[in-house]
Amino acid sequence: MTAITTVGLMKARLFSFVRVEVLVLIGTSCGLLRAQPAPSEDKRPKWESSAFAGLTLTRGNSDTLLGTANVLTGKKWGHNELSLGADGTYGETKLPGGTNTTKNAESIHGFGQYNWLFGERAYGLGRVDALHDAIADVEYRVTLSLGAGYYFVKTTNTVLSGEVGPGYVFEKLGSDDNSYATLRVGEKFTQKLSSHSRLWQSAELLPQVTDFGNYIVNAELGVEADINTHLGLNTVLQDTYKNHPAAGRKQNDLKLIAGLKYKF
């Protein structure tokens, strides 16, 4: 009887020990689970990119084709702002009764701009632009510029900035090569009209330093309306004015473009 009692007591003590160990293990596990930090969101700056395409096609009394496309991307991190972009236009037409098509648009343009913010509003900048326009007889035009900029308005819905600085232009108009120092003066404006629509406008003046009668003006006005998170409708008016164009060419080139924009 004593042996049986002893065995019973040993079993009871073993059961109590195991139960305590299990409770301790469970408690420790729960503590470890609570101690695990929640996965943090990736707050690294990301590229904001978009692609735009527009197409006009007619058939009947006239056969025409006009296509436009551009790609834009940008990134902001710390005191840095970087913007890159490229766009192109191609068009051709065939008159009634004709057999050959004639090009009425053929251009490609690219740019890059880097801003270094000194504070909340002031910044220094470096910019490069490159253009080829076969119809305007611009074999190439490359503009390099440095300068300073300032955000006069910088809110969630409205941004207005101005830029000024020296630059240099290398160009070939027809068979003539030109290069000269220039002064670049520009401004940019964006306005959020609603949670799904925006308006933007930009303009720049590039006069030759030694001859202010020789200058270039580039301007753009656009509006965008979102269809969904990634797709939007864009309408853009672009104007380029060259006071001394290539021989036999007009001073002004105006484009009105409408199409779809994809953001990614």
Protein backbone atom coordinates (compact mmCIF):
# COMPACT_ATOMS: atom_id res chain seq x y z
CA MET A 1 0.00 0.00 0.00
CA THR A 2 2.87 2.32 0.80
CA ALA A 3 4.52 1.54 -2.55
CA ILE A 4 1.27 2.31 -4.36
CA THR A 5 0.97 5.61 -2.49
CA THR A 6 4.56 6.49 -3.30
CA VAL A 7 4.03 5.74 -6.99
CA GLY A 8 0.87 7.88 -6.97
CA LEU A 9 2.66 10.79 -5.38
CA MET A 10 5.48 10.51 -7.92
CA LYS A 11 2.97 10.53 -10.80
CA ALA A 12 1.20 13.58 -9.35
CA ARG A 13 4.45 15.47 -8.93
CA LEU A 14 5.55 14.55 -12.49
CA PHE A 15 2.20 15.72 -13.90
CA SER A 16 2.44 19.01 -11.99
CA PHE A 17 6.01 19.56 -13.24
CA VAL A 18 5.04 18.87 -16.87
CA ARG A 19 2.00 21.16 -16.56
CA VAL A 20 4.16 23.98 -15.18
CA GLU A 21 6.74 23.51 -17.94
CA VAL A 22 4.01 23.59 -20.63
CA LEU A 23 2.50 26.77 -19.15
CA VAL A 24 5.92 28.41 -19.01
CA LEU A 25 6.63 27.41 -22.60
CA ILE A 26 3.27 28.77 -23.80
CA GLY A 27 3.78 32.02 -21.90
CA THR A 28 7.26 32.46 -23.28
CA SER A 29 6.04 31.79 -26.81
CA CYS A 30 3.27 34.35 -26.46
CA GLY A 31 5.77 36.87 -25.14
CA LEU A 32 8.05 36.25 -28.09
CA LEU A 33 5.15 36.62 -30.48
CA ARG A 34 4.20 39.93 -28.89
CA ALA A 35 7.81 41.09 -29.03
CA GLN A 36 8.09 40.61 -32.82
CA PRO A 37 8.00 44.07 -34.49
CA ALA A 38 5.30 44.64 -37.07
CA PRO A 39 6.63 44.63 -40.64
CA SER A 40 7.38 48.23 -41.54
CA GLU A 41 6.28 49.78 -44.80
CA ASP A 42 8.91 50.36 -47.46
CA LYS A 43 9.34 54.12 -47.25
CA ARG A 44 12.16 54.29 -49.77
CA PRO A 45 11.45 56.86 -52.51
CA LYS A 46 9.97 55.35 -55.64
CA TRP A 47 10.02 56.33 -59.27
CA GLU A 48 6.76 57.86 -60.49
CA SER A 49 6.41 57.05 -64.18
CA SER A 50 3.87 57.41 -66.94
CA ALA A 51 3.47 56.64 -70.64
CA PHE A 52 1.23 58.58 -73.01
CA ALA A 53 0.01 57.71 -76.52
CA GLY A 54 -2.28 59.46 -78.99
CA LEU A 55 -3.29 58.43 -82.52
CA THR A 56 -5.28 60.17 -85.26
CA LEU A 57 -6.20 58.20 -88.38
CA THR A 58 -8.40 59.24 -91.31
CA ARG A 59 -9.46 57.37 -94.44
CA GLY A 60 -11.64 58.54 -97.33
CA ASN A 61 -11.10 61.81 -99.14
CA SER A 62 -7.76 62.03 -97.37
CA ASP A 63 -5.52 59.40 -95.83
CA THR A 64 -3.71 60.70 -92.76
CA LEU A 65 -1.86 59.26 -89.82
CA LEU A 66 -0.57 61.13 -86.78
CA GLY A 67 0.89 59.39 -83.78
CA THR A 68 2.40 60.84 -80.61
CA ALA A 69 3.92 59.21 -77.55
CA ASN A 70 5.94 60.13 -74.50
CA VAL A 71 7.43 58.56 -71.41
CA LEU A 72 8.06 60.50 -68.19
CA THR A 73 9.63 59.44 -64.93
CA GLY A 74 10.74 61.21 -61.78
CA LYS A 75 12.01 60.62 -58.28
CA LYS A 76 12.32 62.73 -55.12
CA TRP A 77 14.49 61.78 -52.18
CA GLY A 78 16.05 63.88 -49.47
CA HIS A 79 17.20 67.15 -51.04
CA ASN A 80 17.12 65.66 -54.53
CA GLU A 81 14.61 65.88 -57.40
CA LEU A 82 15.20 64.11 -60.73
CA SER A 83 13.00 64.30 -63.84
CA LEU A 84 13.54 62.45 -67.15
CA GLY A 85 11.40 62.31 -70.26
CA ALA A 86 11.24 61.53 -73.98
CA ASP A 87 8.57 62.15 -76.60
CA GLY A 88 8.10 61.68 -80.31
CA THR A 89 5.67 62.56 -83.09
CA TYR A 90 5.20 61.05 -86.54
CA GLY A 91 2.62 61.90 -89.18
CA GLU A 92 1.99 61.41 -92.86
CA THR A 93 -0.75 62.26 -95.36
CA LYS A 94 -1.84 61.31 -98.88
CA LEU A 95 -3.96 63.67 -100.97
CA PRO A 96 -7.01 62.45 -103.00
CA GLY A 97 -5.88 60.74 -106.19
CA GLY A 98 -2.28 60.65 -104.99
CA THR A 99 -0.14 57.56 -104.76
CA ASN A 100 2.65 58.76 -102.49
CA THR A 101 2.44 59.76 -98.87
CA THR A 102 4.09 62.88 -97.50
CA LYS A 103 5.47 63.23 -94.00
CA ASN A 104 3.92 66.12 -92.09
CA ALA A 105 5.44 65.40 -88.66
CA GLU A 106 8.64 63.71 -87.53
CA SER A 107 10.28 64.74 -84.29
CA ILE A 108 11.91 63.28 -81.21
CA HIS A 109 12.77 65.11 -78.00
CA GLY A 110 14.30 64.19 -74.67
CA PHE A 111 15.24 65.98 -71.46
CA GLY A 112 16.70 65.46 -68.03
CA GLN A 113 16.70 67.81 -65.04
CA TYR A 114 18.23 67.47 -61.60
CA ASN A 115 17.34 69.79 -58.71
CA TRP A 116 19.23 70.12 -55.43
CA LEU A 117 17.07 71.67 -52.72
CA PHE A 118 18.87 74.14 -50.46
CA GLY A 119 15.82 74.33 -48.20
CA GLU A 120 12.06 74.07 -48.50
CA ARG A 121 11.80 76.34 -51.57
CA ALA A 122 15.14 77.34 -53.13
CA TYR A 123 17.13 74.93 -55.32
CA GLY A 124 19.97 74.71 -57.82
CA LEU A 125 19.48 72.86 -61.09
CA GLY A 126 21.16 71.28 -64.08
CA ARG A 127 19.22 70.53 -67.27
CA VAL A 128 19.80 69.06 -70.72
CA ASP A 129 17.39 69.10 -73.69
CA ALA A 130 17.83 67.45 -77.08
CA LEU A 131 15.57 67.84 -80.15
CA HIS A 132 15.37 66.54 -83.72
CA ASP A 133 12.57 67.86 -85.94
CA ALA A 134 12.77 66.85 -89.59
CA ILE A 135 9.83 69.00 -90.74
CA ALA A 136 11.24 72.15 -89.10
CA ASP A 137 14.65 71.19 -90.58
CA VAL A 138 16.21 71.01 -87.13
CA GLU A 139 18.83 68.30 -87.54
CA TYR A 140 19.63 68.65 -83.86
CA ARG A 141 19.38 71.16 -81.05
CA VAL A 142 21.05 70.42 -77.71
CA THR A 143 20.63 72.86 -74.84
CA LEU A 144 22.70 72.64 -71.65
CA SER A 145 21.79 74.90 -68.75
CA LEU A 146 22.54 75.52 -65.09
CA GLY A 147 20.64 77.79 -62.77
CA ALA A 148 18.68 78.48 -59.64
CA GLY A 149 15.00 77.91 -58.94
CA TYR A 150 12.47 78.87 -56.33
CA TYR A 151 9.07 77.43 -55.33
CA PHE A 152 6.87 80.50 -54.92
CA VAL A 153 3.92 78.25 -54.02
CA LYS A 154 4.34 74.69 -52.76
CA THR A 155 1.18 73.13 -51.36
CA THR A 156 -0.65 69.85 -51.82
CA ASN A 157 -2.88 71.28 -54.55
CA THR A 158 -0.76 74.05 -56.09
CA VAL A 159 2.88 74.31 -57.13
CA LEU A 160 4.44 77.35 -58.83
CA SER A 161 8.17 77.66 -59.46
CA GLY A 162 10.51 79.93 -61.41
CA GLU A 163 13.99 79.20 -62.81
CA VAL A 164 16.82 81.30 -64.25
CA GLY A 165 20.40 80.66 -65.28
CA PRO A 166 22.99 80.52 -68.06
CA GLY A 167 23.05 77.93 -70.80
CA TYR A 168 24.58 76.94 -74.11
CA VAL A 169 22.92 75.85 -77.36
CA PHE A 170 24.36 73.59 -80.04
CA GLU A 171 22.17 73.28 -83.14
CA LYS A 172 22.13 72.46 -86.81
CA LEU A 173 19.37 74.13 -88.85
CA GLY A 174 19.40 72.79 -92.39
CA SER A 175 23.08 72.81 -93.32
CA ASP A 176 24.03 75.58 -90.85
CA ASP A 177 25.78 74.75 -87.59
CA ASN A 178 25.32 77.21 -84.75
CA SER A 179 26.41 77.38 -81.13
CA TYR A 180 25.92 80.23 -78.72
CA ALA A 181 25.54 81.17 -75.06
CA THR A 182 22.00 81.69 -73.86
CA LEU A 183 20.05 82.77 -70.81
CA ARG A 184 17.28 80.41 -69.73
CA VAL A 185 14.24 81.83 -67.91
CA GLY A 186 11.43 79.41 -67.11
CA GLU A 187 8.39 78.78 -64.93
CA LYS A 188 6.21 75.80 -64.07
CA PHE A 189 2.71 75.66 -62.61
CA THR A 190 0.53 72.74 -61.56
CA GLN A 191 -2.94 72.86 -60.04
CA LYS A 192 -4.96 69.98 -58.65
CA LEU A 193 -8.53 70.64 -59.81
CA SER A 194 -10.03 67.71 -57.90
CA SER A 195 -8.97 64.35 -56.54
CA HIS A 196 -9.10 62.99 -60.10
CA SER A 197 -8.01 65.90 -62.32
CA ARG A 198 -5.00 68.18 -62.73
CA LEU A 199 -3.87 71.12 -64.85
CA TRP A 200 -0.29 72.06 -65.64
CA GLN A 201 1.52 74.77 -67.56
CA SER A 202 5.15 75.56 -68.32
CA ALA A 203 7.10 78.07 -70.40
CA GLU A 204 10.74 78.93 -71.03
CA LEU A 205 12.56 81.68 -72.92
CA LEU A 206 16.06 81.10 -74.33
CA PRO A 207 17.58 84.23 -75.89
CA GLN A 208 21.08 84.35 -77.33
CA VAL A 209 23.24 86.38 -74.94
CA THR A 210 24.98 88.35 -77.71
CA ASP A 211 21.83 88.81 -79.82
CA PHE A 212 18.52 88.96 -77.96
CA GLY A 213 16.76 89.05 -81.33
CA ASN A 214 17.63 85.37 -81.71
CA TYR A 215 15.56 83.41 -79.23
CA ILE A 216 13.48 80.29 -78.63
CA VAL A 217 10.23 80.01 -76.66
CA ASN A 218 8.85 76.64 -75.52
CA ALA A 219 5.43 76.46 -73.85
CA GLU A 220 3.01 73.74 -72.80
CA LEU A 221 -0.51 73.63 -71.34
CA GLY A 222 -2.23 70.40 -70.37
CA VAL A 223 -5.09 68.89 -68.42
CA GLU A 224 -5.49 65.34 -67.14
CA ALA A 225 -8.53 63.42 -65.87
CA ASP A 226 -8.22 60.00 -64.22
CA ILE A 227 -10.24 57.05 -65.49
CA ASN A 228 -8.95 54.76 -62.75
CA THR A 229 -5.81 54.32 -60.67
CA HIS A 230 -3.56 53.77 -63.67
CA LEU A 231 -5.36 55.21 -66.70
CA GLY A 232 -6.12 58.84 -67.52
CA LEU A 233 -7.19 61.09 -70.39
CA ASN A 234 -4.75 63.82 -71.39
CA THR A 235 -5.10 66.87 -73.62
CA VAL A 236 -1.92 68.88 -74.24
CA LEU A 237 -1.20 72.06 -76.21
CA GLN A 238 2.49 72.52 -77.11
CA ASP A 239 4.06 75.52 -78.83
CA THR A 240 7.62 76.16 -80.02
CA TYR A 241 8.65 79.53 -81.43
CA LYS A 242 12.06 80.03 -83.06
CA ASN A 243 12.63 83.64 -84.06
CA HIS A 244 15.26 82.69 -86.68
CA PRO A 245 14.12 79.31 -88.07
CA ALA A 246 15.78 77.24 -90.76
CA ALA A 247 15.58 78.66 -94.28
CA GLY A 248 12.13 78.26 -95.79
CA ARG A 249 10.53 77.26 -92.48
CA LYS A 250 7.97 79.08 -90.32
CA GLN A 251 8.77 80.48 -86.92
CA ASN A 252 5.97 78.78 -84.98
CA ASP A 253 5.07 75.11 -84.45
CA LEU A 254 1.84 74.37 -82.57
CA LYS A 255 0.56 70.92 -81.54
CA LEU A 256 -2.73 69.91 -79.92
CA ILE A 257 -2.52 66.34 -78.65
CA ALA A 258 -5.12 64.13 -76.98
CA GLY A 259 -4.70 60.56 -75.81
CA LEU A 260 -4.44 58.01 -73.03
CA LYS A 261 -1.92 58.15 -70.19
CA TYR A 262 -0.82 55.10 -68.21
CA LYS A 263 0.78 55.60 -64.78
CA PHE A 264 3.02 52.98 -63.21
